[in-house]
Amino acid sequence: MITLAIPKGRIYDELQPLFELTGLTPEADFFDEKSRKLIFATNHPSLQIIRVRSFDVATFVAFGGAQIGVAGSDVLQEFDYPNLYAPLDLGIGKCRLSIAEPASLAADDNPNRWSHVRIATKYPNITKAYFAKRGVQAECIMLHGAMEIAPSLGLSERIVDLVSSGATLKANGLVEVEKIMDISSRLIVNQAALKTDCGVLVDLTEKFAQAAAKHALSVA
């Protein structure tokens, strides 16, 4: 049995057109947001899907709980698992990882003068590496959510988080001051599984590649 791990949330919604183009049809409960199921059968008897948190997809695939999956490039860089192969950019889930701070602070702030920053984020590895290259000491406070309220409650001066439209930042009195990296979703494969289930995984990768290309043309 081949297991495909996909993330919940926004990327999950964007994956649905790709599923249709690959001919992959999950069971009905898969599309029911109220369903508590986590493992779903598909129209391929040897392929099942698991639906997990976006940060957990890479871990499931890296440690063999799933053989293939979809994960954001932010997650891949944060964990940097050596046994993951990311052969395909699916062109979905596009956003950016950015530094944001209160608008009142940004009015007189110059990022080039930073020497020490206190950051609330769920990306401590990316954040520390980014600032280390600039010779800036980054003190990271690990949060898994509600990042935008950290500065107003005195937990941190700034945050590093995903930004799409910027509406959530604006609603919480924050402004984006620097972009760390652009992000998109990648198809990832467990390298050990690629040796033992090569034919199935290569075929599935090719189907996703064709689907991603067709989808890109349809939305261009």
Foldseek 3Di string as FASTA:
>chain_A
DAEEEEEDDDVLVVCVLLCVQLVKAWPPCVPPPPDPDQKIDIPDNVYIYGYYHQLCNVVCCQVVVHFKYKHKPLSCVLVVRVQKDFDWFLQAPKWFKFKKFAPVQVVPDDPLPAAEFEEEEQRVPLVQVQVVVSNHHYHYDYDDDPRLCCCVVPNTGMYIDTDHPCPVNVVSRMDTDGTSGIMGMTMMGRNVVCVVVVVVVVSSVVSSRVSSVVVVVVVD
